[in-house]
Amino acid sequence: MKNYKYILLDLDGTLTDPADGITNSIKYALNKYKIAAKREELLKFIGPPLRDSFMKYYGFNREKAEEAVAYYREYFALTGIYENSIYPGVPEMLFRLKKSEKTLLLATSKPTVYANKVLEYFNIHEYFNMVSGSNLDGTMGTKSEVVEYALSFLPDSGLELAVMAGDREYDITGAVENKIDSIGVTWGFGTVDELVSAGATYIAKTVKELEDLLIP
């Protein structure tokens, strides 16, 4: 077990449960096209880039998907962003990681502007050295790009001591493509099979297990 120094953490499904806010925002967007959907059907939107999900699950072309994302943000920016809860034990874990002199970096597919608001809303912004997210114009749209940007702030020797923790295959793939270790967490929206198949170095089933992996 490595004594990791640089900890990249996903946001949605790892630190917070955004299900209500995200699914309500998607419902709002789909309603513009007279499309009805149940909440359970929309949980698969949590994790990957929104534009890609509208294209994959509803057959939207790129232009229509980008329009749907704009509708999504109409609701999310004012209401959906706060229909969110932080997982029990997360603030305490972040405090102990920081006290152990770990460098924490947020690596999320959520636009950086929204990610910062979520961290501030839950009073955990102070624990992070930097936030790497997507851009509102659609750039930095893949998890691999988000992870790569976060890693660019580390010293050259930092990759050996860096690890990415997240709940979906995209988090693990982002780590694999950037040649760092990864921890798949199972309290979010991915499955153990999904995380293992993607190549997770470790699996954590509770926040305490994740903390124990990060502070050996």
N, C-alpha and C. Protein backbone atom coordinates (compact mmCIF):
# COMPACT_ATOMS: atom_id res chain seq x y z
N MET A 1 0.84 -1.20 0.00
CA MET A 1 0.00 0.00 0.00
C MET A 1 0.88 1.25 0.00
N LYS A 2 0.66 2.11 -0.96
CA LYS A 2 1.42 3.36 -1.03
C LYS A 2 0.89 4.36 0.00
N ASN A 3 1.77 5.22 0.44
CA ASN A 3 1.35 6.33 1.28
C ASN A 3 1.11 7.52 0.35
N TYR A 4 -0.09 7.60 -0.21
CA TYR A 4 -0.39 8.61 -1.21
C TYR A 4 -0.33 10.01 -0.61
N LYS A 5 0.23 10.94 -1.36
CA LYS A 5 0.31 12.34 -0.93
C LYS A 5 -0.71 13.21 -1.65
N TYR A 6 -0.98 12.90 -2.93
CA TYR A 6 -1.86 13.72 -3.75
C TYR A 6 -3.16 12.96 -4.01
N ILE A 7 -4.25 13.47 -3.46
CA ILE A 7 -5.53 12.78 -3.50
C ILE A 7 -6.49 13.53 -4.42
N LEU A 8 -6.87 12.90 -5.54
CA LEU A 8 -7.86 13.47 -6.44
C LEU A 8 -9.21 12.84 -6.09
N LEU A 9 -10.20 13.69 -5.83
CA LEU A 9 -11.51 13.20 -5.41
C LEU A 9 -12.59 13.66 -6.38
N ASP A 10 -13.44 12.72 -6.76
CA ASP A 10 -14.64 13.04 -7.53
C ASP A 10 -15.62 13.74 -6.58
N LEU A 11 -16.60 14.43 -7.15
CA LEU A 11 -17.59 15.13 -6.33
C LEU A 11 -18.91 14.37 -6.25
N ASP A 12 -19.66 14.34 -7.36
CA ASP A 12 -20.98 13.70 -7.39
C ASP A 12 -20.87 12.19 -7.20
N GLY A 13 -21.52 11.69 -6.16
CA GLY A 13 -21.50 10.26 -5.91
C GLY A 13 -20.33 9.80 -5.07
N THR A 14 -19.43 10.73 -4.75
CA THR A 14 -18.26 10.39 -3.93
C THR A 14 -18.25 11.22 -2.65
N LEU A 15 -18.36 12.53 -2.80
CA LEU A 15 -18.43 13.41 -1.63
C LEU A 15 -19.87 13.79 -1.31
N THR A 16 -20.67 14.00 -2.34
CA THR A 16 -22.07 14.40 -2.14
C THR A 16 -23.02 13.54 -2.96
N ASP A 17 -24.27 13.51 -2.51
CA ASP A 17 -25.34 12.81 -3.23
C ASP A 17 -26.18 13.86 -3.94
N PRO A 18 -25.97 14.03 -5.26
CA PRO A 18 -26.66 15.08 -6.00
C PRO A 18 -27.89 14.59 -6.75
N ALA A 19 -28.36 13.39 -6.41
CA ALA A 19 -29.36 12.72 -7.26
C ALA A 19 -30.61 13.57 -7.49
N ASP A 20 -31.17 14.16 -6.44
CA ASP A 20 -32.41 14.93 -6.60
C ASP A 20 -32.19 16.13 -7.51
N GLY A 21 -31.12 16.87 -7.27
CA GLY A 21 -30.87 18.07 -8.07
C GLY A 21 -30.61 17.76 -9.53
N ILE A 22 -29.83 16.72 -9.79
CA ILE A 22 -29.50 16.38 -11.17
C ILE A 22 -30.72 15.82 -11.90
N THR A 23 -31.43 14.90 -11.28
CA THR A 23 -32.58 14.31 -11.97
C THR A 23 -33.70 15.34 -12.17
N ASN A 24 -33.90 16.22 -11.21
CA ASN A 24 -34.91 17.27 -11.39
C ASN A 24 -34.52 18.22 -12.52
N SER A 25 -33.23 18.50 -12.64
CA SER A 25 -32.75 19.38 -13.70
C SER A 25 -32.91 18.71 -15.07
N ILE A 26 -32.67 17.42 -15.14
CA ILE A 26 -32.84 16.68 -16.39
C ILE A 26 -34.31 16.62 -16.77
N LYS A 27 -35.17 16.36 -15.78
CA LYS A 27 -36.60 16.36 -16.05
C LYS A 27 -37.05 17.70 -16.63
N TYR A 28 -36.54 18.78 -16.06
CA TYR A 28 -36.87 20.12 -16.53
C TYR A 28 -36.46 20.29 -18.00
N ALA A 29 -35.24 19.80 -18.32
CA ALA A 29 -34.76 19.91 -19.70
C ALA A 29 -35.59 19.05 -20.64
N LEU A 30 -35.86 17.80 -20.26
CA LEU A 30 -36.62 16.89 -21.13
C LEU A 30 -38.04 17.39 -21.34
N ASN A 31 -38.58 18.06 -20.35
CA ASN A 31 -39.94 18.59 -20.47
C ASN A 31 -40.05 19.60 -21.61
N LYS A 32 -38.94 20.27 -21.93
CA LYS A 32 -38.93 21.22 -23.04
C LYS A 32 -39.19 20.51 -24.37
N TYR A 33 -38.91 19.19 -24.39
CA TYR A 33 -39.12 18.39 -25.60
C TYR A 33 -40.31 17.45 -25.45
N LYS A 34 -41.12 17.70 -24.42
CA LYS A 34 -42.32 16.88 -24.15
C LYS A 34 -41.95 15.42 -23.89
N ILE A 35 -40.80 15.22 -23.24
CA ILE A 35 -40.34 13.87 -22.91
C ILE A 35 -40.49 13.67 -21.40
N ALA A 36 -41.21 12.63 -21.01
CA ALA A 36 -41.38 12.31 -19.59
C ALA A 36 -40.41 11.19 -19.21
N ALA A 37 -39.87 11.27 -18.01
CA ALA A 37 -38.94 10.24 -17.55
C ALA A 37 -39.04 10.11 -16.04
N LYS A 38 -38.87 8.90 -15.54
CA LYS A 38 -38.88 8.65 -14.11
C LYS A 38 -37.48 8.90 -13.53
N ARG A 39 -37.47 9.27 -12.26
CA ARG A 39 -36.21 9.59 -11.58
C ARG A 39 -35.20 8.46 -11.72
N GLU A 40 -35.65 7.22 -11.53
CA GLU A 40 -34.73 6.07 -11.55
C GLU A 40 -34.04 5.93 -12.91
N GLU A 41 -34.75 6.32 -13.97
CA GLU A 41 -34.19 6.21 -15.31
C GLU A 41 -33.07 7.23 -15.54
N LEU A 42 -33.06 8.28 -14.74
CA LEU A 42 -32.14 9.39 -14.97
C LEU A 42 -30.88 9.33 -14.10
N LEU A 43 -30.82 8.36 -13.19
CA LEU A 43 -29.65 8.26 -12.33
C LEU A 43 -28.38 7.97 -13.14
N LYS A 44 -28.56 7.35 -14.30
CA LYS A 44 -27.39 7.04 -15.13
C LYS A 44 -26.73 8.29 -15.70
N PHE A 45 -27.39 9.43 -15.60
CA PHE A 45 -26.80 10.70 -16.04
C PHE A 45 -25.72 11.19 -15.07
N ILE A 46 -25.72 10.66 -13.86
CA ILE A 46 -24.78 11.15 -12.85
C ILE A 46 -23.41 10.55 -13.11
N GLY A 47 -22.44 11.40 -13.40
CA GLY A 47 -21.07 10.95 -13.65
C GLY A 47 -20.52 11.39 -14.99
N PRO A 48 -21.08 10.87 -16.10
CA PRO A 48 -20.54 11.25 -17.41
C PRO A 48 -20.98 12.65 -17.82
N PRO A 49 -20.33 13.23 -18.82
CA PRO A 49 -20.73 14.55 -19.32
C PRO A 49 -22.19 14.54 -19.77
N LEU A 50 -22.93 15.58 -19.43
CA LEU A 50 -24.36 15.65 -19.73
C LEU A 50 -24.65 15.56 -21.21
N ARG A 51 -23.88 16.30 -22.01
CA ARG A 51 -24.13 16.31 -23.46
C ARG A 51 -24.07 14.89 -24.02
N ASP A 52 -23.07 14.13 -23.59
CA ASP A 52 -22.93 12.76 -24.08
C ASP A 52 -24.12 11.90 -23.68
N SER A 53 -24.63 12.12 -22.46
CA SER A 53 -25.76 11.31 -21.98
C SER A 53 -27.04 11.62 -22.73
N PHE A 54 -27.30 12.90 -23.03
CA PHE A 54 -28.48 13.24 -23.83
C PHE A 54 -28.39 12.59 -25.21
N MET A 55 -27.21 12.53 -25.77
CA MET A 55 -27.03 11.91 -27.08
C MET A 55 -27.19 10.39 -27.00
N LYS A 56 -26.62 9.80 -25.95
CA LYS A 56 -26.62 8.35 -25.82
C LYS A 56 -28.00 7.80 -25.46
N TYR A 57 -28.67 8.44 -24.51
CA TYR A 57 -29.91 7.87 -23.99
C TYR A 57 -31.17 8.38 -24.67
N TYR A 58 -31.09 9.54 -25.35
CA TYR A 58 -32.28 10.08 -26.00
C TYR A 58 -32.08 10.35 -27.48
N GLY A 59 -30.93 9.96 -28.02
CA GLY A 59 -30.71 10.06 -29.45
C GLY A 59 -30.60 11.49 -29.97
N PHE A 60 -30.31 12.45 -29.08
CA PHE A 60 -30.16 13.83 -29.52
C PHE A 60 -28.89 13.97 -30.35
N ASN A 61 -28.93 14.81 -31.39
CA ASN A 61 -27.69 15.14 -32.07
C ASN A 61 -26.92 16.14 -31.21
N ARG A 62 -25.72 16.48 -31.63
CA ARG A 62 -24.86 17.32 -30.79
C ARG A 62 -25.51 18.68 -30.50
N GLU A 63 -26.10 19.29 -31.52
CA GLU A 63 -26.71 20.62 -31.34
C GLU A 63 -27.88 20.56 -30.36
N LYS A 64 -28.72 19.55 -30.51
CA LYS A 64 -29.88 19.41 -29.63
C LYS A 64 -29.43 19.07 -28.20
N ALA A 65 -28.39 18.26 -28.09
CA ALA A 65 -27.87 17.90 -26.76
C ALA A 65 -27.31 19.13 -26.04
N GLU A 66 -26.63 19.99 -26.77
CA GLU A 66 -26.09 21.21 -26.16
C GLU A 66 -27.22 22.15 -25.74
N GLU A 67 -28.30 22.17 -26.52
CA GLU A 67 -29.47 22.96 -26.15
C GLU A 67 -30.10 22.39 -24.88
N ALA A 68 -30.16 21.06 -24.78
CA ALA A 68 -30.73 20.41 -23.60
C ALA A 68 -29.89 20.72 -22.36
N VAL A 69 -28.58 20.75 -22.51
CA VAL A 69 -27.70 21.09 -21.39
C VAL A 69 -27.97 22.52 -20.93
N ALA A 70 -28.22 23.42 -21.87
CA ALA A 70 -28.54 24.81 -21.51
C ALA A 70 -29.84 24.87 -20.71
N TYR A 71 -30.85 24.08 -21.12
CA TYR A 71 -32.10 24.03 -20.35
C TYR A 71 -31.84 23.45 -18.96
N TYR A 72 -31.06 22.39 -18.91
CA TYR A 72 -30.69 21.76 -17.63
C TYR A 72 -30.12 22.82 -16.68
N ARG A 73 -29.24 23.65 -17.19
CA ARG A 73 -28.57 24.64 -16.33
C ARG A 73 -29.51 25.74 -15.87
N GLU A 74 -30.58 25.98 -16.62
CA GLU A 74 -31.57 26.97 -16.17
C GLU A 74 -32.11 26.59 -14.80
N TYR A 75 -32.42 25.31 -14.64
CA TYR A 75 -32.96 24.83 -13.36
C TYR A 75 -31.84 24.60 -12.36
N PHE A 76 -30.75 23.97 -12.82
CA PHE A 76 -29.70 23.56 -11.89
C PHE A 76 -29.04 24.75 -11.21
N ALA A 77 -28.76 25.81 -11.96
CA ALA A 77 -28.00 26.95 -11.42
C ALA A 77 -28.73 27.63 -10.27
N LEU A 78 -30.06 27.62 -10.30
CA LEU A 78 -30.83 28.32 -9.28
C LEU A 78 -31.35 27.40 -8.18
N THR A 79 -31.69 26.17 -8.55
CA THR A 79 -32.36 25.28 -7.60
C THR A 79 -31.67 23.94 -7.44
N GLY A 80 -31.39 23.28 -8.57
CA GLY A 80 -30.87 21.91 -8.52
C GLY A 80 -29.55 21.77 -7.79
N ILE A 81 -28.72 22.78 -7.87
CA ILE A 81 -27.40 22.70 -7.24
C ILE A 81 -27.51 22.53 -5.73
N TYR A 82 -28.62 23.02 -5.15
CA TYR A 82 -28.81 22.95 -3.70
C TYR A 82 -29.68 21.76 -3.27
N GLU A 83 -30.22 21.02 -4.24
CA GLU A 83 -30.95 19.79 -3.93
C GLU A 83 -29.93 18.66 -3.84
N ASN A 84 -29.16 18.70 -2.80
CA ASN A 84 -27.92 17.93 -2.69
C ASN A 84 -27.67 17.66 -1.21
N SER A 85 -26.95 16.61 -0.91
CA SER A 85 -26.58 16.33 0.49
C SER A 85 -25.18 15.75 0.52
N ILE A 86 -24.47 15.99 1.60
CA ILE A 86 -23.11 15.48 1.73
C ILE A 86 -23.17 14.13 2.44
N TYR A 87 -22.39 13.17 1.98
CA TYR A 87 -22.42 11.85 2.59
C TYR A 87 -21.88 11.90 4.02
N PRO A 88 -22.50 11.17 4.94
CA PRO A 88 -22.02 11.14 6.33
C PRO A 88 -20.56 10.70 6.40
N GLY A 89 -19.80 11.41 7.19
CA GLY A 89 -18.40 11.07 7.40
C GLY A 89 -17.44 11.77 6.46
N VAL A 90 -17.95 12.37 5.39
CA VAL A 90 -17.06 13.01 4.42
C VAL A 90 -16.34 14.23 5.00
N PRO A 91 -17.03 15.16 5.66
CA PRO A 91 -16.31 16.32 6.20
C PRO A 91 -15.20 15.91 7.18
N GLU A 92 -15.51 14.91 8.01
CA GLU A 92 -14.52 14.44 8.98
C GLU A 92 -13.32 13.80 8.28
N MET A 93 -13.58 13.04 7.21
CA MET A 93 -12.50 12.43 6.44
C MET A 93 -11.61 13.50 5.82
N LEU A 94 -12.22 14.52 5.22
CA LEU A 94 -11.44 15.58 4.59
C LEU A 94 -10.58 16.31 5.62
N PHE A 95 -11.14 16.54 6.80
CA PHE A 95 -10.39 17.19 7.87
C PHE A 95 -9.16 16.37 8.24
N ARG A 96 -9.34 15.06 8.39
CA ARG A 96 -8.22 14.21 8.80
C ARG A 96 -7.19 14.07 7.68
N LEU A 97 -7.64 14.03 6.43
CA LEU A 97 -6.69 13.98 5.31
C LEU A 97 -5.83 15.23 5.29
N LYS A 98 -6.45 16.38 5.46
CA LYS A 98 -5.71 17.63 5.46
C LYS A 98 -4.76 17.69 6.64
N LYS A 99 -5.21 17.23 7.80
CA LYS A 99 -4.37 17.22 9.00
C LYS A 99 -3.17 16.30 8.81
N SER A 100 -3.34 15.27 7.96
CA SER A 100 -2.24 14.33 7.66
C SER A 100 -1.34 14.85 6.55
N GLU A 101 -1.52 16.11 6.18
CA GLU A 101 -0.69 16.80 5.19
C GLU A 101 -0.83 16.21 3.79
N LYS A 102 -2.04 15.73 3.47
CA LYS A 102 -2.34 15.31 2.11
C LYS A 102 -2.72 16.53 1.28
N THR A 103 -2.40 16.49 0.00
CA THR A 103 -2.83 17.53 -0.92
C THR A 103 -4.08 17.05 -1.62
N LEU A 104 -5.19 17.77 -1.43
CA LEU A 104 -6.48 17.35 -1.98
C LEU A 104 -6.83 18.17 -3.22
N LEU A 105 -7.21 17.47 -4.28
CA LEU A 105 -7.61 18.12 -5.53
C LEU A 105 -8.96 17.56 -5.95
N LEU A 106 -9.91 18.43 -6.25
CA LEU A 106 -11.20 17.97 -6.73
C LEU A 106 -11.10 17.76 -8.23
N ALA A 107 -11.56 16.59 -8.70
CA ALA A 107 -11.54 16.27 -10.14
C ALA A 107 -12.94 15.80 -10.51
N THR A 108 -13.71 16.69 -11.14
CA THR A 108 -15.13 16.43 -11.38
C THR A 108 -15.53 16.80 -12.80
N SER A 109 -16.49 16.06 -13.34
CA SER A 109 -17.04 16.41 -14.65
C SER A 109 -18.01 17.59 -14.58
N LYS A 110 -18.41 17.94 -13.37
CA LYS A 110 -19.29 19.09 -13.18
C LYS A 110 -18.52 20.36 -13.55
N PRO A 111 -19.17 21.35 -14.17
CA PRO A 111 -18.47 22.60 -14.46
C PRO A 111 -17.84 23.19 -13.20
N THR A 112 -16.65 23.71 -13.35
CA THR A 112 -15.88 24.22 -12.21
C THR A 112 -16.67 25.24 -11.41
N VAL A 113 -17.40 26.11 -12.09
CA VAL A 113 -18.15 27.16 -11.39
C VAL A 113 -19.19 26.57 -10.45
N TYR A 114 -19.83 25.47 -10.85
CA TYR A 114 -20.82 24.82 -9.98
C TYR A 114 -20.12 24.01 -8.88
N ALA A 115 -19.02 23.36 -9.23
CA ALA A 115 -18.29 22.57 -8.24
C ALA A 115 -17.84 23.44 -7.08
N ASN A 116 -17.35 24.63 -7.38
CA ASN A 116 -16.92 25.55 -6.33
C ASN A 116 -18.09 25.94 -5.43
N LYS A 117 -19.26 26.16 -6.03
CA LYS A 117 -20.44 26.54 -5.25
C LYS A 117 -20.86 25.41 -4.31
N VAL A 118 -20.77 24.16 -4.80
CA VAL A 118 -21.13 23.01 -3.96
C VAL A 118 -20.17 22.89 -2.78
N LEU A 119 -18.88 23.03 -3.04
CA LEU A 119 -17.90 22.96 -1.95
C LEU A 119 -18.14 24.04 -0.91
N GLU A 120 -18.46 25.24 -1.38
CA GLU A 120 -18.72 26.34 -0.46
C GLU A 120 -20.03 26.11 0.31
N TYR A 121 -21.04 25.57 -0.36
CA TYR A 121 -22.34 25.32 0.27
C TYR A 121 -22.19 24.36 1.45
N PHE A 122 -21.31 23.36 1.30
CA PHE A 122 -21.12 22.37 2.36
C PHE A 122 -19.91 22.70 3.26
N ASN A 123 -19.34 23.88 3.08
CA ASN A 123 -18.22 24.34 3.91
C ASN A 123 -17.03 23.38 3.89
N ILE A 124 -16.72 22.86 2.70
CA ILE A 124 -15.56 21.97 2.59
C ILE A 124 -14.54 22.51 1.57
N HIS A 125 -14.77 23.72 1.08
CA HIS A 125 -13.87 24.29 0.07
C HIS A 125 -12.45 24.44 0.61
N GLU A 126 -12.33 24.74 1.89
CA GLU A 126 -11.01 25.02 2.49
C GLU A 126 -10.07 23.81 2.43
N TYR A 127 -10.61 22.62 2.26
CA TYR A 127 -9.76 21.43 2.28
C TYR A 127 -9.05 21.17 0.95
N PHE A 128 -9.47 21.85 -0.10
CA PHE A 128 -8.95 21.55 -1.44
C PHE A 128 -7.93 22.58 -1.90
N ASN A 129 -6.83 22.07 -2.43
CA ASN A 129 -5.78 22.94 -2.97
C ASN A 129 -6.16 23.50 -4.33
N MET A 130 -6.96 22.75 -5.09
CA MET A 130 -7.43 23.24 -6.38
C MET A 130 -8.66 22.45 -6.81
N VAL A 131 -9.40 23.03 -7.75
CA VAL A 131 -10.60 22.38 -8.31
C VAL A 131 -10.43 22.27 -9.81
N SER A 132 -10.53 21.06 -10.32
CA SER A 132 -10.46 20.80 -11.76
C SER A 132 -11.81 20.26 -12.20
N GLY A 133 -12.49 21.03 -13.06
CA GLY A 133 -13.79 20.61 -13.57
C GLY A 133 -13.91 20.91 -15.05
N SER A 134 -15.08 20.68 -15.58
CA SER A 134 -15.30 20.99 -16.99
C SER A 134 -15.61 22.48 -17.14
N ASN A 135 -15.65 22.94 -18.38
CA ASN A 135 -15.97 24.33 -18.70
C ASN A 135 -17.39 24.42 -19.25
N LEU A 136 -18.04 25.54 -19.04
CA LEU A 136 -19.41 25.72 -19.51
C LEU A 136 -19.52 25.67 -21.03
N ASP A 137 -18.41 25.94 -21.72
CA ASP A 137 -18.46 25.91 -23.20
C ASP A 137 -18.26 24.51 -23.77
N GLY A 138 -18.19 23.51 -22.90
CA GLY A 138 -18.07 22.12 -23.35
C GLY A 138 -16.66 21.59 -23.42
N THR A 139 -15.68 22.46 -23.25
CA THR A 139 -14.29 21.98 -23.25
C THR A 139 -13.97 21.36 -21.89
N MET A 140 -12.87 20.65 -21.82
CA MET A 140 -12.51 19.86 -20.64
C MET A 140 -13.66 18.91 -20.32
N GLY A 141 -14.21 18.30 -21.36
CA GLY A 141 -15.44 17.53 -21.21
C GLY A 141 -15.26 16.09 -20.77
N THR A 142 -14.06 15.53 -20.83
CA THR A 142 -13.87 14.13 -20.42
C THR A 142 -13.17 14.07 -19.07
N LYS A 143 -13.40 12.98 -18.37
CA LYS A 143 -12.77 12.83 -17.05
C LYS A 143 -11.25 12.73 -17.18
N SER A 144 -10.79 12.14 -18.27
CA SER A 144 -9.35 12.04 -18.49
C SER A 144 -8.72 13.43 -18.58
N GLU A 145 -9.39 14.37 -19.27
CA GLU A 145 -8.88 15.74 -19.38
C GLU A 145 -8.90 16.44 -18.02
N VAL A 146 -9.96 16.20 -17.25
CA VAL A 146 -10.08 16.80 -15.93
C VAL A 146 -8.95 16.32 -15.02
N VAL A 147 -8.70 15.01 -15.05
CA VAL A 147 -7.63 14.44 -14.23
C VAL A 147 -6.26 14.95 -14.69
N GLU A 148 -6.07 14.99 -15.99
CA GLU A 148 -4.80 15.47 -16.54
C GLU A 148 -4.52 16.90 -16.09
N TYR A 149 -5.55 17.74 -16.12
CA TYR A 149 -5.37 19.14 -15.71
C TYR A 149 -5.02 19.23 -14.23
N ALA A 150 -5.68 18.44 -13.40
CA ALA A 150 -5.37 18.44 -11.97
C ALA A 150 -3.93 18.00 -11.72
N LEU A 151 -3.51 16.98 -12.44
CA LEU A 151 -2.15 16.46 -12.25
C LEU A 151 -1.08 17.44 -12.72
N SER A 152 -1.46 18.35 -13.61
CA SER A 152 -0.47 19.31 -14.13
C SER A 152 0.01 20.25 -13.04
N PHE A 153 -0.68 20.30 -11.91
CA PHE A 153 -0.28 21.17 -10.81
C PHE A 153 0.69 20.46 -9.86
N LEU A 154 0.94 19.19 -10.09
CA LEU A 154 1.83 18.43 -9.21
C LEU A 154 3.26 18.49 -9.71
N PRO A 155 4.22 18.29 -8.82
CA PRO A 155 5.61 18.17 -9.27
C PRO A 155 5.80 16.93 -10.14
N ASP A 156 6.86 16.89 -10.92
CA ASP A 156 7.08 15.77 -11.84
C ASP A 156 7.07 14.42 -11.15
N SER A 157 7.52 14.39 -9.91
CA SER A 157 7.58 13.13 -9.17
C SER A 157 6.24 12.78 -8.52
N GLY A 158 5.22 13.65 -8.69
CA GLY A 158 3.98 13.48 -7.97
C GLY A 158 3.10 12.34 -8.43
N LEU A 159 3.24 11.91 -9.69
CA LEU A 159 2.36 10.88 -10.22
C LEU A 159 2.47 9.57 -9.45
N GLU A 160 3.64 9.25 -8.98
CA GLU A 160 3.82 8.00 -8.25
C GLU A 160 3.06 8.00 -6.93
N LEU A 161 2.78 9.19 -6.40
CA LEU A 161 2.11 9.31 -5.11
C LEU A 161 0.71 9.88 -5.24
N ALA A 162 0.14 9.80 -6.45
CA ALA A 162 -1.20 10.33 -6.71
C ALA A 162 -2.20 9.20 -6.88
N VAL A 163 -3.44 9.46 -6.45
CA VAL A 163 -4.52 8.47 -6.59
C VAL A 163 -5.82 9.21 -6.84
N MET A 164 -6.69 8.61 -7.65
CA MET A 164 -8.01 9.16 -7.96
C MET A 164 -9.07 8.29 -7.31
N ALA A 165 -10.01 8.92 -6.57
CA ALA A 165 -11.11 8.17 -5.96
C ALA A 165 -12.43 8.66 -6.54
N GLY A 166 -13.27 7.73 -7.01
CA GLY A 166 -14.56 8.10 -7.58
C GLY A 166 -15.49 6.91 -7.67
N ASP A 167 -16.75 7.18 -7.98
CA ASP A 167 -17.78 6.14 -7.92
C ASP A 167 -18.19 5.57 -9.27
N ARG A 168 -17.65 6.11 -10.38
CA ARG A 168 -18.06 5.62 -11.69
C ARG A 168 -16.85 5.17 -12.50
N GLU A 169 -17.12 4.40 -13.54
CA GLU A 169 -16.04 3.90 -14.40
C GLU A 169 -15.24 5.04 -15.03
N TYR A 170 -15.89 6.19 -15.25
CA TYR A 170 -15.21 7.32 -15.87
C TYR A 170 -14.08 7.84 -14.97
N ASP A 171 -14.29 7.78 -13.65
CA ASP A 171 -13.25 8.19 -12.72
C ASP A 171 -12.04 7.26 -12.82
N ILE A 172 -12.34 5.97 -12.89
CA ILE A 172 -11.27 4.98 -12.96
C ILE A 172 -10.54 5.07 -14.30
N THR A 173 -11.29 5.20 -15.37
CA THR A 173 -10.69 5.34 -16.70
C THR A 173 -9.81 6.58 -16.78
N GLY A 174 -10.28 7.68 -16.18
CA GLY A 174 -9.49 8.91 -16.15
C GLY A 174 -8.16 8.71 -15.46
N ALA A 175 -8.18 7.91 -14.39
CA ALA A 175 -6.93 7.60 -13.68
C ALA A 175 -6.03 6.70 -14.51
N VAL A 176 -6.61 5.65 -15.08
CA VAL A 176 -5.83 4.70 -15.88
C VAL A 176 -5.16 5.40 -17.05
N GLU A 177 -5.91 6.26 -17.74
CA GLU A 177 -5.37 6.95 -18.91
C GLU A 177 -4.27 7.95 -18.55
N ASN A 178 -4.25 8.35 -17.28
CA ASN A 178 -3.20 9.26 -16.81
C ASN A 178 -2.14 8.56 -15.96
N LYS A 179 -2.24 7.22 -15.95
CA LYS A 179 -1.21 6.38 -15.32
C LYS A 179 -1.04 6.62 -13.82
N ILE A 180 -2.17 6.78 -13.13
CA ILE A 180 -2.14 6.85 -11.68
C ILE A 180 -3.06 5.80 -11.10
N ASP A 181 -2.89 5.49 -9.82
CA ASP A 181 -3.73 4.50 -9.14
C ASP A 181 -5.14 5.07 -8.95
N SER A 182 -6.07 4.18 -8.62
CA SER A 182 -7.45 4.62 -8.45
C SER A 182 -8.14 3.79 -7.37
N ILE A 183 -9.16 4.43 -6.77
CA ILE A 183 -9.99 3.76 -5.77
C ILE A 183 -11.44 3.93 -6.19
N GLY A 184 -12.12 2.82 -6.42
CA GLY A 184 -13.54 2.87 -6.74
C GLY A 184 -14.36 2.83 -5.47
N VAL A 185 -15.27 3.77 -5.30
CA VAL A 185 -16.12 3.79 -4.10
C VAL A 185 -17.53 3.34 -4.49
N THR A 186 -18.16 2.58 -3.59
CA THR A 186 -19.40 1.90 -3.97
C THR A 186 -20.66 2.49 -3.36
N TRP A 187 -20.54 3.63 -2.63
CA TRP A 187 -21.75 4.22 -2.05
C TRP A 187 -22.42 5.22 -3.00
N GLY A 188 -21.83 5.42 -4.18
CA GLY A 188 -22.38 6.36 -5.13
C GLY A 188 -23.30 5.69 -6.14
N PHE A 189 -22.97 5.84 -7.43
CA PHE A 189 -23.89 5.41 -8.48
C PHE A 189 -23.30 4.35 -9.42
N GLY A 190 -22.10 3.88 -9.13
CA GLY A 190 -21.50 2.81 -9.91
C GLY A 190 -21.57 1.50 -9.14
N THR A 191 -21.32 0.41 -9.83
CA THR A 191 -21.32 -0.91 -9.20
C THR A 191 -19.88 -1.40 -9.03
N VAL A 192 -19.72 -2.40 -8.17
CA VAL A 192 -18.39 -2.99 -7.99
C VAL A 192 -17.88 -3.56 -9.31
N ASP A 193 -18.75 -4.25 -10.04
CA ASP A 193 -18.34 -4.83 -11.32
C ASP A 193 -17.87 -3.74 -12.29
N GLU A 194 -18.61 -2.65 -12.33
CA GLU A 194 -18.25 -1.54 -13.22
C GLU A 194 -16.87 -0.99 -12.87
N LEU A 195 -16.62 -0.82 -11.59
CA LEU A 195 -15.36 -0.22 -11.13
C LEU A 195 -14.18 -1.17 -11.34
N VAL A 196 -14.41 -2.44 -11.03
CA VAL A 196 -13.35 -3.44 -11.21
C VAL A 196 -13.03 -3.61 -12.69
N SER A 197 -14.06 -3.69 -13.52
CA SER A 197 -13.86 -3.85 -14.96
C SER A 197 -13.09 -2.68 -15.56
N ALA A 198 -13.29 -1.49 -14.99
CA ALA A 198 -12.60 -0.30 -15.49
C ALA A 198 -11.13 -0.27 -15.08
N GLY A 199 -10.78 -1.11 -14.08
CA GLY A 199 -9.38 -1.20 -13.69
C GLY A 199 -9.02 -0.57 -12.37
N ALA A 200 -10.01 -0.45 -11.45
CA ALA A 200 -9.74 0.16 -10.15
C ALA A 200 -8.63 -0.59 -9.41
N THR A 201 -7.71 0.18 -8.84
CA THR A 201 -6.62 -0.42 -8.05
C THR A 201 -7.16 -0.98 -6.75
N TYR A 202 -8.07 -0.26 -6.12
CA TYR A 202 -8.70 -0.68 -4.86
C TYR A 202 -10.20 -0.39 -4.93
N ILE A 203 -10.94 -1.03 -4.03
CA ILE A 203 -12.37 -0.77 -3.87
C ILE A 203 -12.61 -0.38 -2.41
N ALA A 204 -13.38 0.68 -2.19
CA ALA A 204 -13.78 1.09 -0.84
C ALA A 204 -15.30 1.08 -0.76
N LYS A 205 -15.82 0.36 0.23
CA LYS A 205 -17.27 0.23 0.35
C LYS A 205 -17.89 1.22 1.33
N THR A 206 -17.05 1.89 2.10
CA THR A 206 -17.53 2.90 3.03
C THR A 206 -16.55 4.08 3.04
N VAL A 207 -17.01 5.21 3.55
CA VAL A 207 -16.13 6.38 3.67
C VAL A 207 -14.94 6.04 4.57
N LYS A 208 -15.19 5.27 5.62
CA LYS A 208 -14.11 4.86 6.53
C LYS A 208 -13.07 4.01 5.80
N GLU A 209 -13.52 3.10 4.94
CA GLU A 209 -12.57 2.28 4.18
C GLU A 209 -11.73 3.15 3.25
N LEU A 210 -12.35 4.16 2.64
CA LEU A 210 -11.59 5.07 1.79
C LEU A 210 -10.56 5.82 2.61
N GLU A 211 -10.96 6.31 3.74
CA GLU A 211 -10.01 7.03 4.61
C GLU A 211 -8.85 6.14 5.01
N ASP A 212 -9.13 4.88 5.34
CA ASP A 212 -8.07 3.96 5.76
C ASP A 212 -7.09 3.69 4.62
N LEU A 213 -7.57 3.69 3.37
CA LEU A 213 -6.68 3.50 2.24
C LEU A 213 -5.80 4.74 2.02
N LEU A 214 -6.34 5.91 2.35
CA LEU A 214 -5.61 7.16 2.11
C LEU A 214 -4.72 7.57 3.26
N ILE A 215 -5.03 7.07 4.45
CA ILE A 215 -4.17 7.31 5.62
C ILE A 215 -3.81 5.95 6.20
N PRO A 216 -2.86 5.26 5.59
CA PRO A 216 -2.52 3.88 6.04
C PRO A 216 -1.85 3.87 7.41
